[in-house]
Amino acid sequence: MLGITTSAAEVTHISKHGFWLLLSDEELLVPFDQFPWFRKGTIEQISEVQWLTPDHLYWPGLDIDLSVQSIRNPATFPLVSGAAG
């Protein structure tokens, strides 16, 4: 019997420079200098990530939505934020 495959995103490490995010078999660095919205987040808020679609991540405690592609290639996505770094 075939089942539905579900994948979860997982934060595997947080440091003063950023955090590592595991998506299936891919681990991505989310550096705070490129994603300043996370800088003042708590460990709990950063760790609570939802992988809604293959390219959509959401952190409900911080109300942050990100494209997975923006983490893979941040230079192709201009930084637009009202948050102070």
Protein backbone atom coordinates (compact mmCIF):
# COMPACT_ATOMS: atom_id res chain seq x y z
CA MET A 1 0.00 0.00 0.00
CA LEU A 2 1.37 3.39 -0.98
CA GLY A 3 1.27 6.24 1.48
CA ILE A 4 1.70 9.97 1.30
CA THR A 5 5.28 11.11 1.66
CA THR A 6 5.63 14.03 4.02
CA SER A 7 8.78 16.00 4.60
CA ALA A 8 9.56 18.34 7.41
CA ALA A 9 12.06 21.13 7.58
CA GLU A 10 14.40 21.03 10.55
CA VAL A 11 16.79 23.57 12.02
CA THR A 12 19.89 21.55 12.89
CA HIS A 13 22.22 24.23 14.31
CA ILE A 14 22.03 27.88 15.36
CA SER A 15 25.10 30.07 15.88
CA LYS A 16 25.77 33.79 16.16
CA HIS A 17 26.24 33.85 12.36
CA GLY A 18 23.04 32.10 11.29
CA PHE A 19 21.38 28.72 11.28
CA TRP A 20 21.41 25.49 9.29
CA LEU A 21 18.15 24.28 7.78
CA LEU A 22 17.66 20.66 6.69
CA LEU A 23 15.19 20.14 3.84
CA SER A 24 14.98 16.42 3.04
CA ASP A 25 18.58 15.61 2.06
CA GLU A 26 19.72 19.21 1.51
CA GLU A 27 21.19 21.37 4.28
CA LEU A 28 21.22 25.13 3.75
CA LEU A 29 22.90 27.91 5.71
CA VAL A 30 20.65 30.87 6.51
CA PRO A 31 23.14 33.62 7.49
CA PHE A 32 21.84 36.46 9.65
CA ASP A 33 23.68 39.08 7.58
CA GLN A 34 21.62 38.09 4.51
CA PHE A 35 18.41 37.29 6.41
CA PRO A 36 18.36 39.85 9.27
CA TRP A 37 14.72 39.14 10.18
CA PHE A 38 15.90 36.09 12.15
CA ARG A 39 18.64 37.85 14.12
CA LYS A 40 16.49 38.69 17.15
CA GLY A 41 14.38 35.53 16.98
CA THR A 42 14.51 33.09 19.84
CA ILE A 43 15.73 29.52 19.38
CA GLU A 44 12.12 28.38 19.65
CA GLN A 45 10.91 30.86 17.02
CA ILE A 46 13.69 29.98 14.56
CA SER A 47 13.24 26.24 15.12
CA GLU A 48 9.51 26.36 14.44
CA VAL A 49 9.57 26.23 10.63
CA GLN A 50 6.89 24.92 8.31
CA TRP A 51 7.72 23.66 4.82
CA LEU A 52 4.44 24.41 3.08
CA THR A 53 5.40 23.72 -0.55
CA PRO A 54 8.68 22.71 -2.24
CA ASP A 55 9.63 26.42 -2.47
CA HIS A 56 7.77 27.97 0.49
CA LEU A 57 8.96 28.08 4.11
CA TYR A 58 7.10 29.80 6.94
CA TRP A 59 8.11 30.70 10.50
CA PRO A 60 4.82 31.40 12.32
CA GLY A 61 6.40 32.77 15.50
CA LEU A 62 8.24 35.40 13.47
CA ASP A 63 5.66 35.79 10.67
CA ILE A 64 8.38 35.22 8.05
CA ASP A 65 7.77 33.65 4.63
CA LEU A 66 10.75 32.71 2.48
CA SER A 67 11.32 31.07 -0.85
CA VAL A 68 13.74 28.14 -0.65
CA GLN A 69 15.36 29.59 -3.79
CA SER A 70 16.12 32.82 -1.89
CA ILE A 71 18.18 30.78 0.60
CA ARG A 72 19.95 28.81 -2.14
CA ASN A 73 20.71 31.95 -4.19
CA PRO A 74 20.31 35.07 -2.03
CA ALA A 75 22.09 37.29 -4.56
CA THR A 76 19.22 36.81 -7.03
CA PHE A 77 16.67 38.10 -4.50
CA PRO A 78 17.04 41.74 -3.47
CA LEU A 79 16.81 42.31 0.26
CA VAL A 80 13.62 44.22 1.00
CA SER A 81 12.75 44.63 4.64
CA GLY A 82 11.65 47.21 7.14
CA ALA A 83 13.46 45.27 9.88
CA ALA A 84 16.61 46.75 11.32
CA GLY A 85 19.67 44.52 10.97
